[in-house]
Amino acid sequence: MGSEINLLSLFLTMYTRDEASRARQEFWTTFGKYMGPIPSAEGMRINWINYHTQVKDVYFRMYADSKQASIAISIEHSDAEIRDLFFEQFLELQLMLQEQLQEEWVWNRSATGDGGRPVSRIEKIISNVSIFSKDDWPDLISFFKPRIIALDAFWESARYSFDMLK
C-alpha cells in the first residue's frame, strides 16, 4: 500500500491535471489517426473512438489510465429491469460474441459506472500499461485495435437482436 501511495505521489508530481489531460488527448488522437483508414464491418468510415451502437444506453467503451486499460460493452440504462433485459440479450449472443473476440471476457451484471451509477458490463482488462507512457502506446493500440474491430463485426449482426428493446 505504501509503495502505491508513493507511486501515486510521484505520478501526481510528474503531471498536472492539464498535462494528464493533454497526454490522454494525444493518445486518443493518435489511436484515432491509426484506426482512421480501417473501415467498419459494413465497409463504411467509422469513428472508432466514439463508436455508436445506435442503441440507446449501449456503448462500446475504451479506457486507459496510469495502471491499466479496458474495453467494454457497457449497458447503462437507468432502469435496472431494462438493463437486465439487455444483459440477458447479450447472454443469448455470448457464443457469437466469443467467436468474434476469440477470447473470454468478464461478464458483470452489476458493475459501477461513472459517478457510481449502476451499469452492466462485458469487458476485457489489461494491467501494467499506462496511457501516460508513450512506450506503452504500442501495447495499448495492440490491445484496443483487434477488439474494437471484433466488436464492430459482432455488432454488425447482433444489433438487430436489440431492435425490440429500443
Protein backbone atom coordinates (compact mmCIF):
# COMPACT_ATOMS: atom_id res chain seq x y z
CA MET A 1 0.00 0.00 0.00
CA GLY A 2 2.80 2.41 0.91
CA SER A 3 4.52 1.86 -2.44
CA GLU A 4 1.24 2.54 -4.27
CA ILE A 5 0.88 5.86 -2.44
CA ASN A 6 4.49 6.76 -3.28
CA LEU A 7 3.92 5.92 -6.94
CA LEU A 8 0.72 7.96 -6.97
CA SER A 9 2.52 10.90 -5.37
CA LEU A 10 5.30 10.60 -7.94
CA PHE A 11 2.74 10.42 -10.74
CA LEU A 12 0.88 13.47 -9.43
CA THR A 13 4.08 15.47 -9.20
CA MET A 14 5.02 14.43 -12.73
CA TYR A 15 1.76 15.52 -14.34
CA THR A 16 -0.51 18.42 -13.63
CA ARG A 17 -4.18 17.87 -14.39
CA ASP A 18 -3.77 19.77 -17.67
CA GLU A 19 -0.70 17.75 -18.67
CA ALA A 20 -2.52 14.48 -17.92
CA SER A 21 -5.49 15.66 -19.96
CA ARG A 22 -3.21 16.57 -22.86
CA ALA A 23 -1.45 13.18 -22.68
CA ARG A 24 -4.82 11.36 -22.79
CA GLN A 25 -6.00 13.52 -25.66
CA GLU A 26 -2.75 12.91 -27.56
CA PHE A 27 -3.08 9.15 -27.14
CA TRP A 28 -6.71 9.04 -28.32
CA THR A 29 -5.91 11.35 -31.24
CA THR A 30 -3.01 9.08 -32.21
CA PHE A 31 -5.22 6.00 -31.89
CA GLY A 32 -7.96 7.66 -33.95
CA LYS A 33 -5.49 8.51 -36.74
CA TYR A 34 -4.14 4.97 -36.66
CA MET A 35 -7.63 3.49 -36.92
CA GLY A 36 -8.98 6.08 -39.36
CA PRO A 37 -8.22 4.18 -42.59
CA ILE A 38 -9.81 0.97 -41.29
CA PRO A 39 -13.42 0.62 -42.48
CA SER A 40 -16.23 -0.80 -40.38
CA ALA A 41 -17.57 -4.31 -40.98
CA GLU A 42 -20.04 -2.65 -43.37
CA GLY A 43 -17.15 -1.07 -45.29
CA MET A 44 -18.00 2.45 -44.08
CA ARG A 45 -15.90 5.16 -42.43
CA ILE A 46 -16.30 4.96 -38.68
CA ASN A 47 -15.29 6.89 -35.59
CA TRP A 48 -13.70 4.01 -33.69
CA ILE A 49 -13.10 6.02 -30.52
CA ASN A 50 -16.71 7.16 -30.16
CA TYR A 51 -18.33 4.04 -31.56
CA HIS A 52 -22.09 4.47 -31.93
CA THR A 53 -24.09 1.30 -31.42
CA GLN A 54 -27.29 3.18 -32.36
CA VAL A 55 -28.96 1.51 -29.38
CA LYS A 56 -29.68 3.91 -26.54
CA ASP A 57 -27.73 3.14 -23.37
CA VAL A 58 -25.47 0.50 -25.02
CA TYR A 59 -21.90 1.66 -25.56
CA PHE A 60 -18.54 0.26 -26.58
CA ARG A 61 -16.11 1.93 -24.18
CA MET A 62 -12.33 2.04 -24.34
CA TYR A 63 -10.49 3.35 -21.30
CA ALA A 64 -6.87 3.70 -20.22
CA ASP A 65 -5.24 5.26 -17.18
CA SER A 66 -1.87 5.10 -15.44
CA LYS A 67 -2.23 1.41 -14.46
CA GLN A 68 -4.47 -0.45 -16.90
CA ALA A 69 -6.68 -0.35 -19.96
CA SER A 70 -10.07 -1.82 -20.68
CA ILE A 71 -12.52 -2.25 -23.49
CA ALA A 72 -16.13 -2.96 -22.66
CA ILE A 73 -19.68 -3.30 -23.79
CA SER A 74 -21.37 -1.05 -21.27
CA ILE A 75 -25.12 -1.23 -20.66
CA GLU A 76 -26.04 2.00 -18.92
CA HIS A 77 -29.83 2.15 -18.79
CA SER A 78 -31.03 3.77 -15.56
CA ASP A 79 -33.86 1.23 -15.14
CA ALA A 80 -32.42 -1.96 -13.58
CA GLU A 81 -35.02 -4.22 -15.21
CA ILE A 82 -34.36 -2.86 -18.69
CA ARG A 83 -30.59 -3.03 -18.10
CA ASP A 84 -31.08 -6.66 -17.09
CA LEU A 85 -33.07 -7.38 -20.29
CA PHE A 86 -30.20 -6.01 -22.36
CA PHE A 87 -27.68 -8.09 -20.40
CA GLU A 88 -29.82 -11.22 -20.93
CA GLN A 89 -29.90 -10.50 -24.66
CA PHE A 90 -26.10 -10.30 -24.69
CA LEU A 91 -26.00 -13.62 -22.82
CA GLU A 92 -28.11 -15.12 -25.62
CA LEU A 93 -25.44 -13.91 -28.05
CA GLN A 94 -22.46 -14.91 -25.89
CA LEU A 95 -21.23 -17.69 -28.18
CA MET A 96 -21.38 -15.42 -31.23
CA LEU A 97 -19.51 -12.70 -29.32
CA GLN A 98 -16.80 -15.10 -28.14
CA GLU A 99 -16.35 -16.43 -31.67
CA GLN A 100 -15.69 -12.88 -32.89
CA LEU A 101 -13.42 -11.94 -29.98
CA GLN A 102 -11.53 -15.26 -29.87
CA GLU A 103 -11.16 -14.86 -26.11
CA GLU A 104 -13.18 -14.84 -22.91
CA TRP A 105 -14.29 -11.55 -21.40
CA VAL A 106 -15.58 -10.83 -17.89
CA TRP A 107 -19.37 -10.60 -17.65
CA ASN A 108 -20.58 -8.38 -14.82
CA ARG A 109 -24.32 -7.86 -14.48
CA SER A 110 -23.84 -5.42 -11.56
CA ALA A 111 -20.93 -3.06 -12.10
CA THR A 112 -20.40 0.56 -11.20
CA GLY A 113 -20.08 3.21 -13.88
CA ASP A 114 -19.01 6.84 -13.84
CA GLY A 115 -20.39 8.74 -10.90
CA GLY A 116 -21.16 5.49 -9.09
CA ARG A 117 -24.25 4.70 -11.14
CA PRO A 118 -25.13 1.03 -11.72
CA VAL A 119 -24.27 -0.46 -15.11
CA SER A 120 -23.78 -3.89 -16.62
CA ARG A 121 -20.50 -4.54 -18.36
CA ILE A 122 -18.82 -7.14 -20.52
CA GLU A 123 -15.13 -6.31 -20.59
CA LYS A 124 -11.52 -7.18 -21.11
CA ILE A 125 -8.80 -5.54 -19.00
CA ILE A 126 -5.01 -5.47 -19.25
CA SER A 127 -2.79 -4.31 -16.42
CA ASN A 128 0.66 -2.79 -16.18
CA VAL A 129 0.17 -0.30 -19.01
CA SER A 130 -0.06 3.47 -18.77
CA ILE A 131 -1.62 5.91 -21.17
CA PHE A 132 0.95 8.39 -19.82
CA SER A 133 3.91 6.35 -21.07
CA LYS A 134 4.45 6.60 -24.81
CA ASP A 135 6.45 3.38 -24.53
CA ASP A 136 3.15 1.65 -23.66
CA TRP A 137 1.19 3.12 -26.55
CA PRO A 138 2.03 0.27 -28.97
CA ASP A 139 0.73 -2.21 -26.36
CA LEU A 140 -2.42 -0.14 -25.84
CA ILE A 141 -3.07 0.15 -29.57
CA SER A 142 -2.42 -3.59 -29.99
CA PHE A 143 -4.92 -4.22 -27.20
CA PHE A 144 -7.68 -1.92 -28.43
CA LYS A 145 -7.46 -2.37 -32.21
CA PRO A 146 -8.38 -6.04 -32.71
CA ARG A 147 -11.03 -5.92 -30.00
CA ILE A 148 -12.91 -2.85 -31.25
CA ILE A 149 -12.79 -4.29 -34.78
CA ALA A 150 -14.13 -7.61 -33.45
CA LEU A 151 -16.88 -5.80 -31.52
CA ASP A 152 -17.86 -3.98 -34.70
CA ALA A 153 -18.01 -7.26 -36.64
CA PHE A 154 -20.13 -8.81 -33.86
CA TRP A 155 -22.41 -5.77 -33.72
CA GLU A 156 -22.97 -5.85 -37.49
CA SER A 157 -25.07 -9.00 -36.97
CA ALA A 158 -26.10 -8.72 -33.31
CA ARG A 159 -27.60 -5.24 -33.25
CA TYR A 160 -30.82 -6.44 -34.86
CA SER A 161 -31.44 -8.61 -31.80
CA PHE A 162 -31.82 -5.42 -29.80
CA ASP A 163 -34.41 -3.72 -32.02
CA MET A 164 -37.26 -4.96 -29.87
CA LEU A 165 -35.60 -3.48 -26.77
CA LYS A 166 -35.20 0.06 -28.17
